[in-house]
Amino acid sequence: MTNRLSYLSLILGLIIVSSTFLVFRAYAPAGAAFQGYVKPGYTDYAQSGVPDFDEKQPQFTTDAGHVQYSWCVPVAVADSLWWLDSKFESKNYSNPVPPPTISDHFSLVTAYGPWDDHDPQNIYGLVPDLATLMHADGLGVGLGYVGTMYADIQPGINAYLAEHGVAGLFNVLQSDFPTFNIIDQQVEGSSGVVLCLQFWYFNGGVWQPMTNPEFEQGHCVACAGANSTTNQVLVSDPFYNAFEAGLVPGRSPVAHTDTDTTVHNNASLVSQDAYNVVPYMLPPPPGYPAVVFELQNYLQINGFTADPNWHTFIRGAISTSPTGIDDVAVTNLTSAKTILGQGFTANLTATIQNLGNYTETVNVTAYANTTSIASQNVTVASGATTNATLVWDATGFAKGNYTLSAYAWPVPDETNTSNNNFTDNFIITAIACDITGTPGTPSWPDGAVNMRDMALVARAFGSTAGSGNWNPNLDFNNDGTINMKDIALIARHFGNKDP
């Protein structure tokens, strides 16, 4: 069986309306917002997540009369790769800039002219490049068919990755007849995913593939999100804009008027459409496994037909997945001070290690027991280690012994979070300037600011970090030197006692 994936002209079916069709429309109330995971947007240049490029443009077909548009596969793959390029542009460059400024720091998508790689007009180079490498409409192989062979998609993407010098950074995986769980895992990972759909008609116990030359056998869409609770997939469809038409749940975060087919060349203007993914419960078409999933009522919702015997089966999911990993760890947490007066500050040092393959910006939060006391963002190169200085202001904290910990919030796509927390060390809070204790236990504050405290400060007067008589507990104002400011502070609090 030939596995060609294309939409040529669907105009003949767009006006079909019947009572059966109205039932199908009721499945998805107009304007309903999609609930679930949505692939994130990036400044340069996929602000709305996965783009929604439109295949119905004369540049995206070999048909001179432009009656049929058959490049759904290269268009859907372009959606996916454009999103991945925007994602890694943000990973590799700290200040991504959208077009028209020319700013390209990752070569998965490159400019096909004197413009930025994410300029809307760049799809007129990207899509034909992909179409040629996938032999859409028989390009390069001279076979004269319409659409893209299923078997050519994965090799075509691999050829594109090699052409752009990033083959070692991605794996292209093909999952035949995937379950919803497989699709969901790939979508919610860091992969770019396209779904290859096949159309079949069930007629009196006999399955018939779509062989009408007007429609061919299938279609391809890019995945923009998924809902594992409702078993829905959110797609950028190269042919239909079902959410904008009010037919299905979905999202279109940037308001726009879909006046012509070039509108969605702007990657921020999308109609991402949600469909149920359900298992087919009767014997499937010939050559299919016993369990196969379909995009429920896809053809009926979009007006191709009102006949419920048409089915849209998911023939395959092809994912372009990064080979690298994102993994950060907190390996140490220290505090120079062991005693901290109420109202004073202490510097905590958290050591962050980047065990992954990409430069990461990490948010690190320090805790005293379970209370958040300070946060800082640090940038760490792959394989590098850096320190985050977190300043704890003990104002309002009761006297006591506090366990210190530091947590590195997971970076995007991080799956190993077991090493993101480090708990060690402790610090004692006491009334301001109380840093001595009863004889024999000088590390425990005794609840009174007296001559013993004053004497310790006097003996350490003039010391700085690293000098022989340095004691960080006596640096009340936390400026790195024990000086007259500290003497003034202890004089001000002299005679104070715990309530």
Protein backbone atom coordinates (compact mmCIF):
# COMPACT_ATOMS: atom_id res chain seq x y z
CA MET A 1 0.00 0.00 0.00
CA THR A 2 1.30 3.39 -0.90
CA ASN A 3 1.67 5.70 2.05
CA ARG A 4 1.36 9.18 0.61
CA LEU A 5 0.54 12.06 2.91
CA SER A 6 -0.95 15.15 1.33
CA TYR A 7 -3.96 17.37 1.07
CA LEU A 8 -4.64 18.47 -2.45
CA SER A 9 -7.94 20.29 -2.90
CA LEU A 10 -10.49 19.89 -0.13
CA ILE A 11 -12.82 22.53 -1.45
CA LEU A 12 -15.38 19.94 -2.58
CA GLY A 13 -16.03 18.86 0.97
CA LEU A 14 -15.95 22.13 2.84
CA ILE A 15 -19.63 22.99 2.46
CA ILE A 16 -21.12 19.64 3.57
CA VAL A 17 -23.44 20.23 6.51
CA SER A 18 -25.97 17.79 7.93
CA SER A 19 -27.57 16.90 11.23
CA THR A 20 -24.88 14.28 11.73
CA PHE A 21 -22.20 16.91 11.17
CA LEU A 22 -23.81 19.17 13.75
CA VAL A 23 -23.49 16.38 16.30
CA PHE A 24 -19.79 16.19 15.57
CA ARG A 25 -19.43 19.95 16.01
CA ALA A 26 -21.04 19.72 19.42
CA TYR A 27 -18.04 17.68 20.56
CA ALA A 28 -15.98 20.89 20.63
CA PRO A 29 -17.70 24.12 21.67
CA ALA A 30 -16.55 27.18 19.80
CA GLY A 31 -13.82 29.17 21.51
CA ALA A 32 -13.08 26.62 24.22
CA ALA A 33 -9.54 27.10 25.54
CA PHE A 34 -7.26 24.08 25.44
CA GLN A 35 -6.38 22.73 28.88
CA GLY A 36 -3.12 20.82 29.10
CA TYR A 37 0.57 21.02 28.29
CA VAL A 38 1.46 23.52 25.56
CA LYS A 39 4.92 23.69 24.06
CA PRO A 40 6.35 27.01 25.27
CA GLY A 41 6.98 30.07 23.17
CA TYR A 42 10.36 31.67 22.59
CA THR A 43 11.27 35.26 21.80
CA ASP A 44 13.07 34.43 18.55
CA TYR A 45 10.73 33.59 16.89
CA ALA A 46 8.02 31.25 18.13
CA GLN A 47 6.25 33.42 20.67
CA SER A 48 3.08 31.34 20.48
CA GLY A 49 4.79 27.97 20.72
CA VAL A 50 4.88 25.68 17.68
CA PRO A 51 4.21 27.73 14.51
CA ASP A 52 1.22 27.03 12.27
CA PHE A 53 2.50 27.59 8.74
CA ASP A 54 -0.10 27.22 5.98
CA GLU A 55 0.51 24.84 3.08
CA LYS A 56 -2.07 26.53 0.83
CA GLN A 57 0.48 28.75 -0.90
CA PRO A 58 1.66 28.46 -4.52
CA GLN A 59 5.27 28.00 -3.36
CA PHE A 60 4.28 24.76 -1.61
CA THR A 61 3.28 22.57 -4.52
CA THR A 62 4.59 21.38 -7.87
CA ASP A 63 1.13 21.76 -9.39
CA ALA A 64 1.41 24.64 -11.85
CA GLY A 65 -2.30 25.40 -11.62
CA HIS A 66 -2.19 25.54 -7.82
CA VAL A 67 -5.33 23.39 -7.65
CA GLN A 68 -3.76 21.00 -5.23
CA TYR A 69 -1.46 21.59 -2.26
CA SER A 70 0.50 18.50 -1.40
CA TRP A 71 3.33 19.61 0.89
CA CYS A 72 1.69 19.11 4.28
CA VAL A 73 4.64 16.97 5.41
CA PRO A 74 7.45 19.50 4.77
CA VAL A 75 5.23 22.28 6.17
CA ALA A 76 4.47 20.34 9.38
CA VAL A 77 8.15 19.41 9.76
CA ALA A 78 9.04 23.08 9.22
CA ASP A 79 6.69 23.96 12.11
CA SER A 80 8.51 21.46 14.30
CA LEU A 81 12.08 22.39 13.34
CA TRP A 82 11.37 26.14 13.53
CA TRP A 83 10.18 25.66 17.13
CA LEU A 84 13.26 23.59 18.01
CA ASP A 85 15.54 26.19 16.44
CA SER A 86 13.89 28.96 18.48
CA LYS A 87 14.25 26.86 21.63
CA PHE A 88 17.95 26.25 21.09
CA GLU A 89 18.53 29.82 20.00
CA SER A 90 17.40 30.75 23.52
CA LYS A 91 19.63 28.07 25.03
CA ASN A 92 22.72 29.16 23.12
CA TYR A 93 22.31 32.90 23.30
CA SER A 94 21.41 34.94 26.35
CA ASN A 95 19.71 37.74 24.43
CA PRO A 96 17.63 36.27 21.57
CA VAL A 97 16.28 38.92 19.23
CA PRO A 98 13.34 38.47 16.83
CA PRO A 99 13.39 39.64 13.21
CA PRO A 100 13.84 41.92 11.40
CA THR A 101 17.14 42.11 13.31
CA ILE A 102 19.46 39.45 11.90
CA SER A 103 20.45 37.30 14.86
CA ASP A 104 21.14 33.60 14.40
CA HIS A 105 23.03 31.57 16.99
CA PHE A 106 21.84 28.06 16.15
CA SER A 107 21.98 26.50 12.71
CA LEU A 108 19.02 24.11 12.76
CA VAL A 109 17.19 26.75 10.70
CA THR A 110 19.33 29.15 8.67
CA ALA A 111 18.46 32.09 6.45
CA TYR A 112 17.77 31.38 2.77
CA GLY A 113 18.27 35.03 1.84
CA PRO A 114 19.46 38.39 3.22
CA TRP A 115 17.15 38.26 6.25
CA ASP A 116 16.94 36.67 9.68
CA ASP A 117 16.49 32.91 9.89
CA HIS A 118 13.14 33.48 11.63
CA ASP A 119 11.83 36.11 9.25
CA PRO A 120 8.39 35.07 7.89
CA GLN A 121 9.71 35.01 4.32
CA ASN A 122 12.30 32.40 5.32
CA ILE A 123 9.71 29.63 5.15
CA TYR A 124 9.82 30.01 1.35
CA GLY A 125 13.33 28.58 1.54
CA LEU A 126 12.87 26.19 4.45
CA VAL A 127 9.78 24.34 3.20
CA PRO A 128 11.05 23.72 -0.36
CA ASP A 129 14.38 22.56 1.08
CA LEU A 130 12.58 19.99 3.23
CA ALA A 131 10.27 19.04 0.34
CA THR A 132 13.27 18.30 -1.88
CA LEU A 133 15.02 16.20 0.77
CA MET A 134 11.79 14.23 1.43
CA HIS A 135 11.02 13.87 -2.30
CA ALA A 136 7.60 15.52 -1.97
CA ASP A 137 5.68 15.12 -5.24
CA GLY A 138 8.53 12.88 -6.40
CA LEU A 139 11.12 15.68 -6.35
CA GLY A 140 14.55 14.28 -7.10
CA VAL A 141 13.35 10.74 -7.82
CA GLY A 142 11.21 11.34 -10.91
CA LEU A 143 8.37 9.04 -9.91
CA GLY A 144 5.62 11.57 -10.51
CA TYR A 145 3.47 10.84 -7.46
CA VAL A 146 1.67 13.46 -5.40
CA GLY A 147 2.50 14.06 -1.73
CA THR A 148 5.28 12.59 0.42
CA MET A 149 6.05 8.93 0.98
CA TYR A 150 5.86 7.96 4.64
CA ALA A 151 9.14 6.07 4.29
CA ASP A 152 10.92 9.24 3.09
CA ILE A 153 10.10 11.48 6.06
CA GLN A 154 12.61 10.22 8.63
CA PRO A 155 15.50 9.98 6.11
CA GLY A 156 14.58 13.42 4.80
CA ILE A 157 14.79 15.01 8.24
CA ASN A 158 18.12 13.27 8.87
CA ALA A 159 19.43 14.60 5.56
CA TYR A 160 18.31 18.10 6.53
CA LEU A 161 20.07 17.85 9.92
CA ALA A 162 23.28 16.76 8.18
CA GLU A 163 22.93 19.58 5.64
CA HIS A 164 22.77 22.10 8.49
CA GLY A 165 25.61 20.60 10.51
CA VAL A 166 23.53 19.55 13.53
CA ALA A 167 23.11 15.82 12.86
CA GLY A 168 24.95 14.89 16.06
CA LEU A 169 22.68 17.07 18.19
CA PHE A 170 19.38 15.32 17.38
CA ASN A 171 17.90 11.87 16.95
CA VAL A 172 15.00 11.35 14.57
CA LEU A 173 12.72 8.60 15.88
CA GLN A 174 9.83 7.02 14.00
CA SER A 175 7.05 5.38 16.05
CA ASP A 176 4.69 3.36 13.88
CA PHE A 177 1.05 3.29 15.04
CA PRO A 178 1.87 5.00 18.34
CA THR A 179 -0.40 4.92 21.38
CA PHE A 180 -1.53 8.17 22.91
CA ASN A 181 0.91 7.65 25.80
CA ILE A 182 3.84 7.47 23.37
CA ILE A 183 2.70 10.64 21.62
CA ASP A 184 2.18 12.41 24.94
CA GLN A 185 5.65 11.47 26.21
CA GLN A 186 7.29 12.72 23.02
CA VAL A 187 5.29 15.94 22.95
CA GLU A 188 5.87 16.79 26.61
CA GLY A 189 9.56 16.05 26.23
CA SER A 190 11.81 18.40 24.34
CA SER A 191 11.10 16.79 20.98
CA GLY A 192 9.56 18.29 17.90
CA VAL A 193 6.81 15.88 16.86
CA VAL A 194 4.75 15.44 13.70
CA LEU A 195 1.83 13.02 13.32
CA CYS A 196 1.28 11.18 10.07
CA LEU A 197 -2.41 10.51 9.50
CA GLN A 198 -4.07 8.02 7.13
CA PHE A 199 -7.68 8.11 5.95
CA TRP A 200 -9.75 4.94 5.61
CA TYR A 201 -13.39 4.21 4.84
CA PHE A 202 -15.21 1.26 6.39
CA ASN A 203 -17.88 -0.06 4.05
CA GLY A 204 -19.83 -3.15 5.00
CA GLY A 205 -16.93 -5.01 6.54
CA VAL A 206 -14.40 -3.89 3.92
CA TRP A 207 -11.76 -1.22 4.52
CA GLN A 208 -11.00 1.11 1.63
CA PRO A 209 -8.09 3.55 1.71
CA MET A 210 -8.59 7.02 0.35
CA THR A 211 -7.51 6.69 -3.26
CA ASN A 212 -9.47 9.58 -4.72
CA PRO A 213 -6.81 11.61 -6.56
CA GLU A 214 -8.40 14.77 -5.19
CA PHE A 215 -7.54 13.79 -1.63
CA GLU A 216 -4.85 11.10 -1.62
CA GLN A 217 -4.45 8.97 1.49
CA GLY A 218 -3.40 11.14 4.38
CA HIS A 219 -2.12 14.25 6.01
CA CYS A 220 0.57 15.46 8.41
CA VAL A 221 0.27 17.82 11.39
CA ALA A 222 2.76 19.19 13.94
CA CYS A 223 2.15 18.63 17.65
CA ALA A 224 1.87 21.79 19.75
CA GLY A 225 0.73 20.24 23.05
CA ALA A 226 -1.09 17.40 24.74
CA ASN A 227 -3.47 16.71 27.61
CA SER A 228 -2.75 13.39 29.31
CA THR A 229 -5.96 13.63 31.36
CA THR A 230 -8.35 14.00 28.46
CA ASN A 231 -6.21 12.19 25.84
CA GLN A 232 -6.17 15.20 23.56
CA VAL A 233 -3.43 16.33 21.25
CA LEU A 234 -2.99 19.97 20.23
CA VAL A 235 -1.85 20.37 16.62
CA SER A 236 -0.69 23.00 14.17
CA ASP A 237 -2.50 21.88 11.01
CA PRO A 238 -0.99 22.96 7.66
CA PHE A 239 -4.44 22.88 5.99
CA TYR A 240 -7.19 23.52 8.52
CA ASN A 241 -7.47 26.20 11.22
CA ALA A 242 -10.19 24.46 13.18
CA PHE A 243 -9.88 26.47 16.40
CA GLU A 244 -10.09 29.76 14.55
CA ALA A 245 -13.19 28.41 12.81
CA GLY A 246 -14.77 27.63 16.19
CA LEU A 247 -14.87 23.88 15.54
CA VAL A 248 -12.62 22.51 18.28
CA PRO A 249 -10.93 23.57 21.51
CA GLY A 250 -7.48 25.08 21.08
CA ARG A 251 -5.55 28.30 21.37
CA SER A 252 -4.58 31.35 19.36
CA PRO A 253 -2.77 33.61 21.86
CA VAL A 254 -2.10 36.50 19.47
CA ALA A 255 -5.21 38.11 18.00
CA HIS A 256 -5.23 38.27 14.21
CA THR A 257 -7.50 38.09 11.19
CA ASP A 258 -6.91 35.05 9.01
CA THR A 259 -7.50 36.92 5.75
CA ASP A 260 -5.18 34.96 3.48
CA THR A 261 -2.94 31.94 3.51
CA THR A 262 0.22 33.93 4.20
CA VAL A 263 -1.01 35.21 7.58
CA HIS A 264 0.42 32.22 9.43
CA ASN A 265 3.87 32.76 7.90
CA ASN A 266 4.18 34.96 10.98
CA ALA A 267 5.10 32.31 13.55
CA SER A 268 3.32 34.09 16.39
CA LEU A 269 -0.06 33.83 14.61
CA VAL A 270 -1.40 30.33 15.15
CA SER A 271 -4.54 28.27 15.27
CA GLN A 272 -3.58 25.30 17.41
CA ASP A 273 -6.41 22.78 17.28
CA ALA A 274 -7.26 20.11 19.88
CA TYR A 275 -8.57 16.65 18.98
CA ASN A 276 -9.34 13.55 21.00
CA VAL A 277 -7.00 10.60 20.43
CA VAL A 278 -8.96 7.39 20.94
CA PRO A 279 -8.31 3.67 20.34
CA TYR A 280 -10.32 2.10 17.53
CA MET A 281 -12.33 -0.74 19.06
CA LEU A 282 -13.16 -2.88 15.96
CA PRO A 283 -10.79 -4.80 13.65
CA PRO A 284 -8.60 -2.17 11.99
CA PRO A 285 -7.60 -1.86 8.32
CA PRO A 286 -5.39 -4.53 6.73
CA GLY A 287 -1.75 -4.35 7.72
CA TYR A 288 -2.53 -2.45 10.91
CA PRO A 289 -1.80 -3.75 14.43
CA ALA A 290 -4.69 -4.96 16.59
CA VAL A 291 -4.72 -1.69 18.55
CA VAL A 292 -4.59 1.54 16.60
CA PHE A 293 -5.42 5.10 17.59
CA GLU A 294 -7.32 7.70 15.59
CA LEU A 295 -7.85 11.44 15.62
CA GLN A 296 -11.51 11.31 16.51
CA ASN A 297 -13.86 12.79 13.88
CA TYR A 298 -11.07 14.80 12.27
CA LEU A 299 -12.53 14.66 8.75
CA GLN A 300 -16.08 15.20 9.96
CA ILE A 301 -15.23 18.19 12.16
CA ASN A 302 -13.39 19.91 9.33
CA GLY A 303 -16.20 19.48 6.83
CA PHE A 304 -14.74 16.86 4.51
CA THR A 305 -17.67 14.54 5.15
CA ALA A 306 -20.59 13.86 7.47
CA ASP A 307 -20.19 10.12 7.03
CA PRO A 308 -19.00 8.56 10.34
CA ASN A 309 -17.49 5.61 8.46
CA TRP A 310 -14.49 7.73 7.51
CA HIS A 311 -11.62 7.36 10.00
CA THR A 312 -8.36 9.25 10.55
CA PHE A 313 -5.80 6.81 11.92
CA ILE A 314 -2.40 7.82 13.33
CA ARG A 315 0.02 5.94 11.08
CA GLY A 316 3.13 7.28 12.77
CA ALA A 317 4.74 9.86 15.02
CA ILE A 318 8.12 11.20 13.95
CA SER A 319 10.03 13.07 16.62
CA THR A 320 13.20 15.11 16.35
CA SER A 321 14.77 14.80 19.80
CA PRO A 322 17.87 16.49 21.23
CA THR A 323 20.67 14.07 22.05
CA GLY A 324 21.91 16.27 24.88
CA ILE A 325 20.52 16.48 28.40
CA ASP A 326 19.62 19.27 30.78
CA ASP A 327 20.84 18.53 34.31
CA VAL A 328 21.90 20.91 37.07
CA ALA A 329 22.87 20.03 40.63
CA VAL A 330 23.56 21.75 43.94
CA THR A 331 26.76 20.21 45.30
CA ASN A 332 27.44 22.33 48.39
CA LEU A 333 26.05 25.04 50.67
CA THR A 334 28.15 26.94 53.21
CA SER A 335 27.77 29.87 55.57
CA ALA A 336 30.76 31.71 57.01
CA LYS A 337 28.66 32.65 60.03
CA THR A 338 27.45 30.11 62.54
CA ILE A 339 25.63 32.73 64.66
CA LEU A 340 23.43 35.39 63.08
CA GLY A 341 21.86 38.21 65.03
CA GLN A 342 18.23 39.09 64.45
CA GLY A 343 18.06 41.99 62.01
CA PHE A 344 21.51 41.22 60.58
CA THR A 345 22.52 39.42 57.39
CA ALA A 346 24.71 36.47 56.45
CA ASN A 347 26.12 35.32 53.12
CA LEU A 348 25.35 31.75 52.11
CA THR A 349 27.31 30.21 49.24
CA ALA A 350 25.60 27.56 47.09
CA THR A 351 27.73 25.64 44.59
CA ILE A 352 25.93 24.83 41.32
CA GLN A 353 27.24 22.29 38.82
CA ASN A 354 26.00 21.89 35.25
CA LEU A 355 26.05 18.18 34.39
CA GLY A 356 24.25 18.65 31.08
CA ASN A 357 25.18 19.64 27.56
CA TYR A 358 23.81 23.16 27.39
CA THR A 359 24.51 26.45 29.11
CA GLU A 360 21.77 26.91 31.70
CA THR A 361 20.36 29.82 33.66
CA VAL A 362 19.40 28.42 37.05
CA ASN A 363 17.24 29.88 39.80
CA VAL A 364 18.70 28.87 43.18
CA THR A 365 16.69 29.29 46.38
CA ALA A 366 18.07 28.97 49.94
CA TYR A 367 15.93 27.81 52.85
CA ALA A 368 16.18 28.04 56.63
CA ASN A 369 14.30 24.95 57.70
CA THR A 370 11.36 25.19 55.26
CA THR A 371 11.29 28.99 54.90
CA SER A 372 12.61 30.52 51.69
CA ILE A 373 15.21 33.13 52.63
CA ALA A 374 16.91 34.17 49.36
CA SER A 375 17.01 33.45 45.61
CA GLN A 376 19.43 34.21 42.81
CA ASN A 377 19.75 33.41 39.10
CA VAL A 378 23.12 32.13 37.93
CA THR A 379 24.29 31.10 34.46
CA VAL A 380 26.42 27.95 34.25
CA ALA A 381 28.15 26.64 31.13
CA SER A 382 28.04 22.94 30.27
CA GLY A 383 30.43 21.02 32.54
CA ALA A 384 31.16 24.08 34.66
CA THR A 385 30.64 24.92 38.32
CA THR A 386 29.72 28.29 39.78
CA ASN A 387 28.76 29.76 43.13
CA ALA A 388 25.61 31.64 44.01
CA THR A 389 25.83 34.09 46.91
CA LEU A 390 22.52 34.18 48.78
CA VAL A 391 22.04 36.80 51.49
CA TRP A 392 19.86 35.85 54.45
CA ASP A 393 18.28 38.71 56.36
CA ALA A 394 17.36 37.31 59.78
CA THR A 395 14.87 40.07 60.59
CA GLY A 396 11.75 38.49 62.02
CA PHE A 397 13.26 35.07 62.63
CA ALA A 398 12.87 33.60 66.11
CA LYS A 399 15.95 32.57 68.08
CA GLY A 400 16.88 29.00 67.29
CA ASN A 401 18.90 26.51 65.31
CA TYR A 402 18.06 26.52 61.58
CA THR A 403 18.99 23.85 59.05
CA LEU A 404 20.15 25.35 55.77
CA SER A 405 19.42 23.97 52.32
CA ALA A 406 19.63 25.15 48.73
CA TYR A 407 17.44 24.09 45.80
CA ALA A 408 18.11 24.57 42.10
CA TRP A 409 14.76 24.87 40.36
CA PRO A 410 14.63 22.47 37.39
CA VAL A 411 15.65 23.99 34.08
CA PRO A 412 13.49 23.33 31.01
CA ASP A 413 13.51 19.66 29.94
CA GLU A 414 15.39 18.53 33.05
CA THR A 415 14.30 15.04 34.09
CA ASN A 416 16.87 14.18 36.76
CA THR A 417 15.97 16.37 39.74
CA SER A 418 17.31 14.07 42.45
CA ASN A 419 20.49 16.18 42.71
CA ASN A 420 18.81 19.59 42.70
CA ASN A 421 18.69 19.89 46.49
CA PHE A 422 21.53 20.11 49.00
CA THR A 423 20.86 20.10 52.75
CA ASP A 424 23.74 20.60 55.13
CA ASN A 425 25.09 22.96 57.73
CA PHE A 426 23.12 25.02 60.19
CA ILE A 427 23.07 28.49 61.62
CA ILE A 428 21.92 29.81 65.00
CA THR A 429 19.90 32.98 65.25
CA ALA A 430 20.13 35.06 68.40
CA ILE A 431 19.36 38.57 69.60
CA ALA A 432 21.51 41.17 67.87
CA CYS A 433 25.21 41.09 68.89
CA ASP A 434 24.85 38.09 71.25
CA ILE A 435 27.68 35.80 70.17
CA THR A 436 28.95 34.20 73.43
CA GLY A 437 27.54 31.56 75.68
CA THR A 438 28.06 30.07 79.09
CA PRO A 439 31.58 28.98 80.04
CA GLY A 440 32.53 25.87 78.07
CA THR A 441 29.94 26.44 75.36
CA PRO A 442 31.04 29.58 73.54
CA SER A 443 29.20 28.63 70.33
CA TRP A 444 25.76 28.89 71.88
CA PRO A 445 24.50 32.44 72.55
CA ASP A 446 23.50 32.93 76.16
CA GLY A 447 20.70 35.43 75.53
CA ALA A 448 22.54 38.53 76.79
CA VAL A 449 24.79 41.15 75.18
CA ASN A 450 27.50 41.77 77.81
CA MET A 451 31.22 42.34 78.32
CA ARG A 452 32.10 38.89 77.03
CA ASP A 453 30.62 39.80 73.66
CA MET A 454 32.30 43.22 73.74
CA ALA A 455 35.67 41.63 74.57
CA LEU A 456 35.47 39.24 71.60
CA VAL A 457 34.80 42.11 69.24
CA ALA A 458 37.63 44.15 70.74
CA ARG A 459 40.14 41.30 70.30
CA ALA A 460 39.14 40.84 66.64
CA PHE A 461 39.11 44.57 65.88
CA GLY A 462 40.66 45.41 62.52
CA SER A 463 40.55 41.82 61.19
CA THR A 464 39.30 40.90 57.72
CA ALA A 465 38.37 37.65 56.04
CA GLY A 466 41.48 35.47 55.95
CA SER A 467 43.38 37.15 58.77
CA GLY A 468 44.39 35.15 61.84
CA ASN A 469 41.92 36.61 64.33
CA TRP A 470 39.00 36.86 61.89
CA ASN A 471 35.64 35.73 63.23
CA PRO A 472 32.77 36.22 60.77
CA ASN A 473 30.21 36.03 63.59
CA LEU A 474 31.54 39.36 64.87
CA ASP A 475 31.10 41.09 61.51
CA PHE A 476 27.62 42.23 62.45
CA ASN A 477 27.03 44.47 59.44
CA ASN A 478 28.44 41.83 57.06
CA ASP A 479 30.87 44.16 55.27
CA GLY A 480 33.96 41.91 55.51
CA THR A 481 35.76 43.91 58.19
CA ILE A 482 35.45 44.14 61.98
CA ASN A 483 35.66 47.87 62.58
CA MET A 484 34.06 50.79 64.41
CA LYS A 485 30.71 50.08 62.76
CA ASP A 486 30.60 46.73 64.56
CA ILE A 487 31.75 48.37 67.82
CA ALA A 488 28.95 50.93 67.44
CA LEU A 489 26.39 48.15 66.87
CA ILE A 490 27.37 46.17 69.96
CA ALA A 491 27.45 49.36 72.01
CA ARG A 492 23.91 50.15 70.84
CA HIS A 493 22.66 46.69 71.86
CA PHE A 494 24.78 46.37 75.01
CA GLY A 495 22.73 45.10 77.96
CA ASN A 496 19.94 43.61 75.80
CA LYS A 497 18.58 40.25 76.92
CA ASP A 498 16.18 37.70 75.52
CA PRO A 499 12.59 38.63 76.39
